[in-house]
Amino acid sequence: NTMGWYRQAPGKQRELVATITRAGNRVYEDSVKGRFTIARDNAKNTV
């Protein structure tokens, strides 16, 4: 269903970057909104 990206910087906890559902609903972390775009190819199971 949901695929996404998280990141972990030195000295910080792992945090959400972006997620996308199979239907294409997207969620972005505030600092990347407008700069990052998440997409997926369901046939390839690739995000």
All heavy atoms as atom14 arrays in JSON, in Angstrom:
{
  "sequence": "NTMGWYRQAPGKQRELVATITRAGNRVYEDSVKGRFTIARDNAKNTV",
  "atom14_mask": [
    [1, 1, 1, 1, 1, 1, 1, 1, 0, 0, 0, 0, 0, 0],
    [1, 1, 1, 1, 1, 1, 1, 0, 0, 0, 0, 0, 0, 0],
    [1, 1, 1, 1, 1, 1, 1, 1, 0, 0, 0, 0, 0, 0],
    [1, 1, 1, 1, 0, 0, 0, 0, 0, 0, 0, 0, 0, 0],
    [1, 1, 1, 1, 1, 1, 1, 1, 1, 1, 1, 1, 1, 1],
    [1, 1, 1, 1, 1, 1, 1, 1, 1, 1, 1, 1, 0, 0],
    [1, 1, 1, 1, 1, 1, 1, 1, 1, 1, 1, 0, 0, 0],
    [1, 1, 1, 1, 1, 1, 1, 1, 1, 0, 0, 0, 0, 0],
    [1, 1, 1, 1, 1, 0, 0, 0, 0, 0, 0, 0, 0, 0],
    [1, 1, 1, 1, 1, 1, 1, 0, 0, 0, 0, 0, 0, 0],
    [1, 1, 1, 1, 0, 0, 0, 0, 0, 0, 0, 0, 0, 0],
    [1, 1, 1, 1, 1, 1, 1, 1, 1, 0, 0, 0, 0, 0],
    [1, 1, 1, 1, 1, 1, 1, 1, 1, 0, 0, 0, 0, 0],
    [1, 1, 1, 1, 1, 1, 1, 1, 1, 1, 1, 0, 0, 0],
    [1, 1, 1, 1, 1, 1, 1, 1, 1, 0, 0, 0, 0, 0],
    [1, 1, 1, 1, 1, 1, 1, 1, 0, 0, 0, 0, 0, 0],
    [1, 1, 1, 1, 1, 1, 1, 0, 0, 0, 0, 0, 0, 0],
    [1, 1, 1, 1, 1, 0, 0, 0, 0, 0, 0, 0, 0, 0],
    [1, 1, 1, 1, 1, 1, 1, 0, 0, 0, 0, 0, 0, 0],
    [1, 1, 1, 1, 1, 1, 1, 1, 0, 0, 0, 0, 0, 0],
    [1, 1, 1, 1, 1, 1, 1, 0, 0, 0, 0, 0, 0, 0],
    [1, 1, 1, 1, 1, 1, 1, 1, 1, 1, 1, 0, 0, 0],
    [1, 1, 1, 1, 1, 0, 0, 0, 0, 0, 0, 0, 0, 0],
    [1, 1, 1, 1, 0, 0, 0, 0, 0, 0, 0, 0, 0, 0],
    [1, 1, 1, 1, 1, 1, 1, 1, 0, 0, 0, 0, 0, 0],
    [1, 1, 1, 1, 1, 1, 1, 1, 1, 1, 1, 0, 0, 0],
    [1, 1, 1, 1, 1, 1, 1, 0, 0, 0, 0, 0, 0, 0],
    [1, 1, 1, 1, 1, 1, 1, 1, 1, 1, 1, 1, 0, 0],
    [1, 1, 1, 1, 1, 1, 1, 1, 1, 0, 0, 0, 0, 0],
    [1, 1, 1, 1, 1, 1, 1, 1, 0, 0, 0, 0, 0, 0],
    [1, 1, 1, 1, 1, 1, 0, 0, 0, 0, 0, 0, 0, 0],
    [1, 1, 1, 1, 1, 1, 1, 0, 0, 0, 0, 0, 0, 0],
    [1, 1, 1, 1, 1, 1, 1, 1, 1, 0, 0, 0, 0, 0],
    [1, 1, 1, 1, 0, 0, 0, 0, 0, 0, 0, 0, 0, 0],
    [1, 1, 1, 1, 1, 1, 1, 1, 1, 1, 1, 0, 0, 0],
    [1, 1, 1, 1, 1, 1, 1, 1, 1, 1, 1, 0, 0, 0],
    [1, 1, 1, 1, 1, 1, 1, 0, 0, 0, 0, 0, 0, 0],
    [1, 1, 1, 1, 1, 1, 1, 1, 0, 0, 0, 0, 0, 0],
    [1, 1, 1, 1, 1, 0, 0, 0, 0, 0, 0, 0, 0, 0],
    [1, 1, 1, 1, 1, 1, 1, 1, 1, 1, 1, 0, 0, 0],
    [1, 1, 1, 1, 1, 1, 1, 1, 0, 0, 0, 0, 0, 0],
    [1, 1, 1, 1, 1, 1, 1, 1, 0, 0, 0, 0, 0, 0],
    [1, 1, 1, 1, 1, 0, 0, 0, 0, 0, 0, 0, 0, 0],
    [1, 1, 1, 1, 1, 1, 1, 1, 1, 0, 0, 0, 0, 0],
    [1, 1, 1, 1, 1, 1, 1, 1, 0, 0, 0, 0, 0, 0],
    [1, 1, 1, 1, 1, 1, 1, 0, 0, 0, 0, 0, 0, 0],
    [1, 1, 1, 1, 1, 1, 1, 0, 0, 0, 0, 0, 0, 0]
  ],
  "atom14_positions": [
    [[0.83, -1.19, 0.0], [0.0, 0.0, 0.0], [0.87, 1.25, 0.0], [1.15, 1.82, -1.05], [-0.96, -0.01, 1.18], [-1.92, 1.17, 1.16], [-2.02, 1.89, 0.17], [-2.63, 1.37, 2.25], [0.0, 0.0, 0.0], [0.0, 0.0, 0.0], [0.0, 0.0, 0.0], [0.0, 0.0, 0.0], [0.0, 0.0, 0.0], [0.0, 0.0, 0.0]],
    [[1.33, 1.65, 1.17], [2.11, 2.86, 1.28], [3.59, 2.59, 1.08], [4.14, 1.64, 1.62], [1.89, 3.52, 2.65], [0.49, 3.75, 2.85], [2.63, 4.84, 2.75], [0.0, 0.0, 0.0], [0.0, 0.0, 0.0], [0.0, 0.0, 0.0], [0.0, 0.0, 0.0], [0.0, 0.0, 0.0], [0.0, 0.0, 0.0], [0.0, 0.0, 0.0]],
    [[4.23, 3.44, 0.3], [5.68, 3.45, 0.17], [6.16, 4.86, 0.47], [5.4, 5.82, 0.35], [6.12, 3.02, -1.23], [5.69, 1.62, -1.63], [6.37, 1.07, -3.21], [8.08, 0.75, -2.74], [0.0, 0.0, 0.0], [0.0, 0.0, 0.0], [0.0, 0.0, 0.0], [0.0, 0.0, 0.0], [0.0, 0.0, 0.0], [0.0, 0.0, 0.0]],
    [[7.4, 4.95, 0.87], [7.88, 6.28, 1.2], [9.36, 6.34, 1.47], [10.09, 5.35, 1.32], [0.0, 0.0, 0.0], [0.0, 0.0, 0.0], [0.0, 0.0, 0.0], [0.0, 0.0, 0.0], [0.0, 0.0, 0.0], [0.0, 0.0, 0.0], [0.0, 0.0, 0.0], [0.0, 0.0, 0.0], [0.0, 0.0, 0.0], [0.0, 0.0, 0.0]],
    [[9.78, 7.53, 1.84], [11.17, 7.81, 2.13], [11.29, 8.46, 3.5], [10.51, 9.35, 3.85], [11.79, 8.74, 1.08], [11.89, 8.11, -0.26], [10.99, 8.17, -1.28], [12.98, 7.31, -0.74], [11.44, 7.46, -2.37], [12.66, 6.92, -2.06], [14.19, 6.89, -0.19], [13.51, 6.13, -2.83], [15.03, 6.1, -0.95], [14.69, 5.73, -2.26]],
    [[12.26, 7.99, 4.26], [12.63, 8.58, 5.53], [14.12, 8.91, 5.49], [14.85, 8.38, 4.65], [12.34, 7.62, 6.68], [10.86, 7.37, 6.91], [10.11, 6.64, 6.01], [10.22, 7.88, 8.04], [8.75, 6.42, 6.21], [8.87, 7.66, 8.26], [8.14, 6.93, 7.34], [6.8, 6.71, 7.56], [0.0, 0.0, 0.0], [0.0, 0.0, 0.0]],
    [[14.55, 9.78, 6.38], [15.96, 10.12, 6.41], [16.45, 10.27, 7.84], [15.69, 10.58, 8.75], [16.24, 11.4, 5.61], [15.63, 12.66, 6.2], [15.83, 13.84, 5.25], [15.26, 15.07, 5.78], [15.18, 16.21, 5.1], [15.65, 16.28, 3.86], [14.65, 17.29, 5.68], [0.0, 0.0, 0.0], [0.0, 0.0, 0.0], [0.0, 0.0, 0.0]],
    [[17.74, 10.06, 8.0], [18.36, 10.21, 9.3], [19.68, 10.94, 9.14], [20.58, 10.47, 8.45], [18.59, 8.85, 9.97], [19.07, 8.96, 11.4], [18.99, 7.64, 12.13], [18.93, 6.58, 11.51], [18.98, 7.7, 13.45], [0.0, 0.0, 0.0], [0.0, 0.0, 0.0], [0.0, 0.0, 0.0], [0.0, 0.0, 0.0], [0.0, 0.0, 0.0]],
    [[19.76, 12.1, 9.76], [20.97, 12.92, 9.75], [21.74, 12.68, 11.03], [21.18, 12.21, 12.03], [20.61, 14.39, 9.61], [0.0, 0.0, 0.0], [0.0, 0.0, 0.0], [0.0, 0.0, 0.0], [0.0, 0.0, 0.0], [0.0, 0.0, 0.0], [0.0, 0.0, 0.0], [0.0, 0.0, 0.0], [0.0, 0.0, 0.0], [0.0, 0.0, 0.0]],
    [[23.03, 12.99, 11.04], [23.83, 12.81, 12.25], [23.22, 13.52, 13.45], [22.86, 14.69, 13.37], [25.18, 13.41, 11.88], [25.26, 13.27, 10.4], [23.86, 13.49, 9.92], [0.0, 0.0, 0.0], [0.0, 0.0, 0.0], [0.0, 0.0, 0.0], [0.0, 0.0, 0.0], [0.0, 0.0, 0.0], [0.0, 0.0, 0.0], [0.0, 0.0, 0.0]],
    [[23.11, 12.8, 14.55], [22.58, 13.37, 15.77], [21.07, 13.53, 15.82], [20.56, 14.11, 16.77], [0.0, 0.0, 0.0], [0.0, 0.0, 0.0], [0.0, 0.0, 0.0], [0.0, 0.0, 0.0], [0.0, 0.0, 0.0], [0.0, 0.0, 0.0], [0.0, 0.0, 0.0], [0.0, 0.0, 0.0], [0.0, 0.0, 0.0], [0.0, 0.0, 0.0]],
    [[20.38, 13.03, 14.82], [18.93, 13.18, 14.77], [18.25, 11.82, 14.62], [18.86, 10.84, 14.19], [18.53, 14.07, 13.6], [18.99, 15.51, 13.72], [18.45, 16.35, 12.59], [18.86, 17.8, 12.72], [18.29, 18.63, 11.61], [0.0, 0.0, 0.0], [0.0, 0.0, 0.0], [0.0, 0.0, 0.0], [0.0, 0.0, 0.0], [0.0, 0.0, 0.0]],
    [[16.98, 11.79, 14.98], [16.17, 10.61, 14.78], [15.75, 10.5, 13.32], [15.73, 11.48, 12.58], [14.93, 10.65, 15.67], [15.21, 10.69, 17.16], [15.54, 9.33, 17.73], [15.64, 8.34, 16.99], [15.72, 9.26, 19.03], [0.0, 0.0, 0.0], [0.0, 0.0, 0.0], [0.0, 0.0, 0.0], [0.0, 0.0, 0.0], [0.0, 0.0, 0.0]],
    [[15.42, 9.29, 12.92], [14.9, 9.09, 11.59], [13.56, 9.81, 11.46], [12.71, 9.72, 12.35], [14.75, 7.6, 11.29], [14.41, 7.3, 9.85], [14.4, 5.79, 9.57], [15.7, 5.19, 9.83], [15.99, 3.92, 9.56], [15.09, 3.13, 9.01], [17.19, 3.44, 9.84], [0.0, 0.0, 0.0], [0.0, 0.0, 0.0], [0.0, 0.0, 0.0]],
    [[13.36, 10.52, 10.37], [12.16, 11.3, 10.18], [11.54, 11.05, 8.82], [12.21, 10.68, 7.85], [12.46, 12.8, 10.33], [13.36, 13.36, 9.24], [13.56, 14.86, 9.35], [13.07, 15.46, 10.32], [14.23, 15.43, 8.46], [0.0, 0.0, 0.0], [0.0, 0.0, 0.0], [0.0, 0.0, 0.0], [0.0, 0.0, 0.0], [0.0, 0.0, 0.0]],
    [[10.25, 11.29, 8.76], [9.51, 11.19, 7.52], [9.99, 12.24, 6.53], [10.19, 13.39, 6.89], [8.02, 11.39, 7.79], [7.13, 11.57, 6.55], [6.89, 10.23, 5.87], [5.8, 12.2, 6.95], [0.0, 0.0, 0.0], [0.0, 0.0, 0.0], [0.0, 0.0, 0.0], [0.0, 0.0, 0.0], [0.0, 0.0, 0.0], [0.0, 0.0, 0.0]],
    [[10.16, 11.84, 5.29], [10.39, 12.78, 4.2], [9.12, 12.89, 3.36], [8.58, 13.97, 3.16], [11.58, 12.36, 3.32], [11.74, 13.34, 2.16], [12.85, 12.3, 4.15], [0.0, 0.0, 0.0], [0.0, 0.0, 0.0], [0.0, 0.0, 0.0], [0.0, 0.0, 0.0], [0.0, 0.0, 0.0], [0.0, 0.0, 0.0], [0.0, 0.0, 0.0]],
    [[8.66, 11.77, 2.85], [7.46, 11.75, 2.03], [6.93, 10.34, 1.94], [7.7, 9.37, 1.98], [7.73, 12.29, 0.62], [0.0, 0.0, 0.0], [0.0, 0.0, 0.0], [0.0, 0.0, 0.0], [0.0, 0.0, 0.0], [0.0, 0.0, 0.0], [0.0, 0.0, 0.0], [0.0, 0.0, 0.0], [0.0, 0.0, 0.0], [0.0, 0.0, 0.0]],
    [[5.62, 10.21, 1.82], [4.99, 8.91, 1.59], [3.96, 9.05, 0.48], [3.46, 10.14, 0.2], [4.3, 8.35, 2.84], [3.24, 9.22, 3.25], [5.29, 8.19, 3.98], [0.0, 0.0, 0.0], [0.0, 0.0, 0.0], [0.0, 0.0, 0.0], [0.0, 0.0, 0.0], [0.0, 0.0, 0.0], [0.0, 0.0, 0.0], [0.0, 0.0, 0.0]],
    [[3.64, 7.92, -0.12], [2.64, 7.88, -1.17], [1.89, 6.56, -1.09], [2.49, 5.5, -0.94], [3.27, 8.09, -2.56], [2.2, 8.11, -3.66], [4.34, 7.04, -2.84], [2.74, 8.57, -5.01], [0.0, 0.0, 0.0], [0.0, 0.0, 0.0], [0.0, 0.0, 0.0], [0.0, 0.0, 0.0], [0.0, 0.0, 0.0], [0.0, 0.0, 0.0]],
    [[0.57, 6.63, -1.15], [-0.23, 5.42, -1.14], [-0.34, 4.85, -2.54], [0.06, 5.47, -3.54], [-1.64, 5.69, -0.6], [-2.36, 6.52, -1.54], [-1.6, 6.39, 0.75], [0.0, 0.0, 0.0], [0.0, 0.0, 0.0], [0.0, 0.0, 0.0], [0.0, 0.0, 0.0], [0.0, 0.0, 0.0], [0.0, 0.0, 0.0], [0.0, 0.0, 0.0]],
    [[-0.9, 3.66, -2.63], [-1.09, 3.03, -3.93], [-1.99, 3.89, -4.81], [-1.82, 3.91, -6.03], [-1.69, 1.64, -3.75], [-1.74, 0.82, -5.02], [-2.19, -0.61, -4.74], [-2.18, -1.41, -5.96], [-1.12, -2.04, -6.42], [0.03, -1.98, -5.77], [-1.21, -2.75, -7.54], [0.0, 0.0, 0.0], [0.0, 0.0, 0.0], [0.0, 0.0, 0.0]],
    [[-2.94, 4.6, -4.2], [-3.85, 5.46, -4.94], [-3.24, 6.79, -5.33], [-3.85, 7.54, -6.09], [-5.12, 5.7, -4.12], [0.0, 0.0, 0.0], [0.0, 0.0, 0.0], [0.0, 0.0, 0.0], [0.0, 0.0, 0.0], [0.0, 0.0, 0.0], [0.0, 0.0, 0.0], [0.0, 0.0, 0.0], [0.0, 0.0, 0.0], [0.0, 0.0, 0.0]],
    [[-2.06, 7.1, -4.81], [-1.38, 8.33, -5.18], [-1.51, 9.46, -4.19], [-1.11, 10.59, -4.51], [0.0, 0.0, 0.0], [0.0, 0.0, 0.0], [0.0, 0.0, 0.0], [0.0, 0.0, 0.0], [0.0, 0.0, 0.0], [0.0, 0.0, 0.0], [0.0, 0.0, 0.0], [0.0, 0.0, 0.0], [0.0, 0.0, 0.0], [0.0, 0.0, 0.0]],
    [[-2.03, 9.22, -3.01], [-2.11, 10.25, -1.99], [-0.73, 10.47, -1.38], [-0.05, 9.52, -1.0], [-3.1, 9.86, -0.9], [-4.48, 9.59, -1.46], [-4.99, 8.48, -1.38], [-5.09, 10.62, -2.03], [0.0, 0.0, 0.0], [0.0, 0.0, 0.0], [0.0, 0.0, 0.0], [0.0, 0.0, 0.0], [0.0, 0.0, 0.0], [0.0, 0.0, 0.0]],
    [[-0.33, 11.73, -1.26], [1.02, 12.07, -0.85], [1.05, 12.85, 0.45], [0.17, 13.67, 0.72], [1.71, 12.88, -1.94], [1.92, 12.13, -3.24], [2.34, 13.08, -4.34], [2.78, 12.4, -5.55], [1.97, 12.0, -6.52], [0.66, 12.2, -6.43], [2.47, 11.39, -7.59], [0.0, 0.0, 0.0], [0.0, 0.0, 0.0], [0.0, 0.0, 0.0]],
    [[2.08, 12.61, 1.24], [2.36, 13.36, 2.44], [3.83, 13.77, 2.41], [4.69, 12.95, 2.11], [2.06, 12.55, 3.72], [2.51, 13.3, 4.96], [0.58, 12.23, 3.81], [0.0, 0.0, 0.0], [0.0, 0.0, 0.0], [0.0, 0.0, 0.0], [0.0, 0.0, 0.0], [0.0, 0.0, 0.0], [0.0, 0.0, 0.0], [0.0, 0.0, 0.0]],
    [[4.11, 15.05, 2.73], [5.46, 15.57, 2.73], [5.81, 16.19, 4.07], [4.96, 16.82, 4.72], [5.65, 16.64, 1.66], [5.56, 16.16, 0.24], [4.38, 16.3, -0.49], [6.65, 15.56, -0.38], [4.3, 15.86, -1.8], [6.58, 15.12, -1.69], [5.4, 15.27, -2.4], [5.32, 14.84, -3.71], [0.0, 0.0, 0.0], [0.0, 0.0, 0.0]],
    [[7.05, 16.04, 4.47], [7.57, 16.78, 5.59], [7.64, 18.26, 5.2], [7.94, 18.58, 4.05], [8.95, 16.24, 5.99], [9.48, 16.74, 7.32], [10.29, 18.0, 7.18], [10.9, 18.21, 6.12], [10.29, 18.79, 8.14], [0.0, 0.0, 0.0], [0.0, 0.0, 0.0], [0.0, 0.0, 0.0], [0.0, 0.0, 0.0], [0.0, 0.0, 0.0]],
    [[7.38, 19.15, 6.15], [7.23, 20.55, 5.83], [8.45, 21.16, 5.12], [8.31, 21.96, 4.19], [6.93, 21.36, 7.09], [5.52, 21.16, 7.6], [4.67, 20.67, 6.84], [5.27, 21.51, 8.78], [0.0, 0.0, 0.0], [0.0, 0.0, 0.0], [0.0, 0.0, 0.0], [0.0, 0.0, 0.0], [0.0, 0.0, 0.0], [0.0, 0.0, 0.0]],
    [[9.63, 20.78, 5.55], [10.83, 21.42, 5.01], [11.14, 21.02, 3.57], [11.93, 21.69, 2.91], [12.04, 21.11, 5.9], [12.42, 19.75, 5.8], [0.0, 0.0, 0.0], [0.0, 0.0, 0.0], [0.0, 0.0, 0.0], [0.0, 0.0, 0.0], [0.0, 0.0, 0.0], [0.0, 0.0, 0.0], [0.0, 0.0, 0.0], [0.0, 0.0, 0.0]],
    [[10.52, 19.96, 3.08], [10.78, 19.53, 1.71], [9.63, 19.85, 0.78], [9.76, 19.69, -0.45], [11.11, 18.02, 1.62], [12.19, 17.65, 2.62], [9.86, 17.17, 1.82], [0.0, 0.0, 0.0], [0.0, 0.0, 0.0], [0.0, 0.0, 0.0], [0.0, 0.0, 0.0], [0.0, 0.0, 0.0], [0.0, 0.0, 0.0], [0.0, 0.0, 0.0]],
    [[8.53, 20.31, 1.33], [7.37, 20.62, 0.52], [7.7, 21.7, -0.51], [8.28, 22.73, -0.19], [6.21, 21.08, 1.41], [4.9, 21.24, 0.68], [3.77, 21.61, 1.63], [2.44, 21.75, 0.92], [1.35, 22.11, 1.86], [0.0, 0.0, 0.0], [0.0, 0.0, 0.0], [0.0, 0.0, 0.0], [0.0, 0.0, 0.0], [0.0, 0.0, 0.0]],
    [[7.35, 21.45, -1.74], [7.64, 22.37, -2.83], [8.97, 22.12, -3.5], [9.22, 22.66, -4.58], [0.0, 0.0, 0.0], [0.0, 0.0, 0.0], [0.0, 0.0, 0.0], [0.0, 0.0, 0.0], [0.0, 0.0, 0.0], [0.0, 0.0, 0.0], [0.0, 0.0, 0.0], [0.0, 0.0, 0.0], [0.0, 0.0, 0.0], [0.0, 0.0, 0.0]],
    [[9.83, 21.32, -2.88], [11.13, 21.01, -3.45], [11.25, 19.55, -3.86], [11.9, 19.24, -4.85], [12.25, 21.33, -2.45], [12.31, 22.8, -2.05], [13.54, 23.09, -1.2], [13.52, 22.35, 0.06], [14.44, 21.47, 0.44], [15.46, 21.2, -0.35], [14.34, 20.86, 1.61], [0.0, 0.0, 0.0], [0.0, 0.0, 0.0], [0.0, 0.0, 0.0]],
    [[10.63, 18.67, -3.09], [10.69, 17.24, -3.36], [9.36, 16.76, -3.91], [8.3, 17.28, -3.56], [10.98, 16.44, -2.08], [12.36, 16.63, -1.51], [13.23, 17.6, -1.98], [12.78, 15.81, -0.47], [14.49, 17.76, -1.43], [14.04, 15.96, 0.08], [14.9, 16.94, -0.4], [0.0, 0.0, 0.0], [0.0, 0.0, 0.0], [0.0, 0.0, 0.0]],
    [[9.42, 15.75, -4.75], [8.23, 15.13, -5.29], [8.37, 13.62, -5.2], [9.36, 13.06, -5.68], [7.98, 15.53, -6.75], [7.87, 16.96, -6.85], [6.69, 14.89, -7.26], [0.0, 0.0, 0.0], [0.0, 0.0, 0.0], [0.0, 0.0, 0.0], [0.0, 0.0, 0.0], [0.0, 0.0, 0.0], [0.0, 0.0, 0.0], [0.0, 0.0, 0.0]],
    [[7.39, 12.98, -4.59], [7.38, 11.53, -4.52], [6.41, 10.99, -5.56], [5.35, 11.57, -5.82], [7.01, 11.03, -3.1], [7.23, 9.52, -2.99], [5.58, 11.41, -2.72], [7.15, 9.0, -1.55], [0.0, 0.0, 0.0], [0.0, 0.0, 0.0], [0.0, 0.0, 0.0], [0.0, 0.0, 0.0], [0.0, 0.0, 0.0], [0.0, 0.0, 0.0]],
    [[6.78, 9.89, -6.19], [5.95, 9.26, -7.2], [6.18, 7.75, -7.14], [7.14, 7.29, -6.53], [6.26, 9.8, -8.59], [0.0, 0.0, 0.0], [0.0, 0.0, 0.0], [0.0, 0.0, 0.0], [0.0, 0.0, 0.0], [0.0, 0.0, 0.0], [0.0, 0.0, 0.0], [0.0, 0.0, 0.0], [0.0, 0.0, 0.0], [0.0, 0.0, 0.0]],
    [[5.29, 7.01, -7.77], [5.47, 5.56, -7.78], [4.94, 4.96, -9.07], [4.07, 5.54, -9.73], [4.81, 4.9, -6.57], [3.29, 4.96, -6.56], [2.73, 4.45, -5.23], [2.88, 3.01, -5.08], [2.59, 2.34, -3.96], [2.15, 2.99, -2.89], [2.76, 1.02, -3.92], [0.0, 0.0, 0.0], [0.0, 0.0, 0.0], [0.0, 0.0, 0.0]],
    [[5.47, 3.81, -9.38], [5.02, 3.0, -10.5], [4.51, 1.7, -9.89], [5.31, 0.84, -9.5], [6.15, 2.75, -11.49], [5.71, 2.0, -12.72], [4.72, 1.25, -12.66], [6.36, 2.17, -13.77], [0.0, 0.0, 0.0], [0.0, 0.0, 0.0], [0.0, 0.0, 0.0], [0.0, 0.0, 0.0], [0.0, 0.0, 0.0], [0.0, 0.0, 0.0]],
    [[3.2, 1.56, -9.8], [2.63, 0.39, -9.13], [2.96, -0.91, -9.86], [3.15, -1.94, -9.22], [1.12, 0.54, -9.01], [0.71, 1.62, -8.03], [1.45, 1.93, -7.09], [-0.47, 2.2, -8.23], [0.0, 0.0, 0.0], [0.0, 0.0, 0.0], [0.0, 0.0, 0.0], [0.0, 0.0, 0.0], [0.0, 0.0, 0.0], [0.0, 0.0, 0.0]],
    [[3.03, -0.86, -11.18], [3.34, -2.06, -11.94], [4.74, -2.57, -11.64], [4.99, -3.77, -11.7], [3.18, -1.79, -13.43], [0.0, 0.0, 0.0], [0.0, 0.0, 0.0], [0.0, 0.0, 0.0], [0.0, 0.0, 0.0], [0.0, 0.0, 0.0], [0.0, 0.0, 0.0], [0.0, 0.0, 0.0], [0.0, 0.0, 0.0], [0.0, 0.0, 0.0]],
    [[5.64, -1.66, -11.33], [7.02, -2.03, -11.03], [7.31, -2.11, -9.53], [8.43, -2.44, -9.15], [7.99, -1.03, -11.67], [7.96, -1.02, -13.18], [8.96, 0.0, -13.71], [8.98, 0.02, -15.22], [9.95, 1.02, -15.75], [0.0, 0.0, 0.0], [0.0, 0.0, 0.0], [0.0, 0.0, 0.0], [0.0, 0.0, 0.0], [0.0, 0.0, 0.0]],
    [[6.32, -1.78, -8.71], [6.53, -1.7, -7.27], [7.74, -0.84, -6.94], [8.58, -1.22, -6.11], [6.66, -3.09, -6.65], [5.32, -3.71, -6.32], [4.38, -3.02, -5.94], [5.24, -5.03, -6.45], [0.0, 0.0, 0.0], [0.0, 0.0, 0.0], [0.0, 0.0, 0.0], [0.0, 0.0, 0.0], [0.0, 0.0, 0.0], [0.0, 0.0, 0.0]],
    [[7.81, 0.29, -7.57], [8.94, 1.19, -7.43], [8.46, 2.57, -7.0], [7.46, 3.07, -7.51], [9.72, 1.29, -8.74], [10.21, 0.0, -9.11], [10.9, 2.25, -8.61], [0.0, 0.0, 0.0], [0.0, 0.0, 0.0], [0.0, 0.0, 0.0], [0.0, 0.0, 0.0], [0.0, 0.0, 0.0], [0.0, 0.0, 0.0], [0.0, 0.0, 0.0]],
    [[9.18, 3.15, -6.06], [8.89, 4.5, -5.61], [10.09, 5.38, -5.9], [11.24, 4.94, -5.83], [8.52, 4.52, -4.11], [9.69, 4.07, -3.24], [8.03, 5.9, -3.69], [0.0, 0.0, 0.0], [0.0, 0.0, 0.0], [0.0, 0.0, 0.0], [0.0, 0.0, 0.0], [0.0, 0.0, 0.0], [0.0, 0.0, 0.0], [0.0, 0.0, 0.0]]
  ]
}
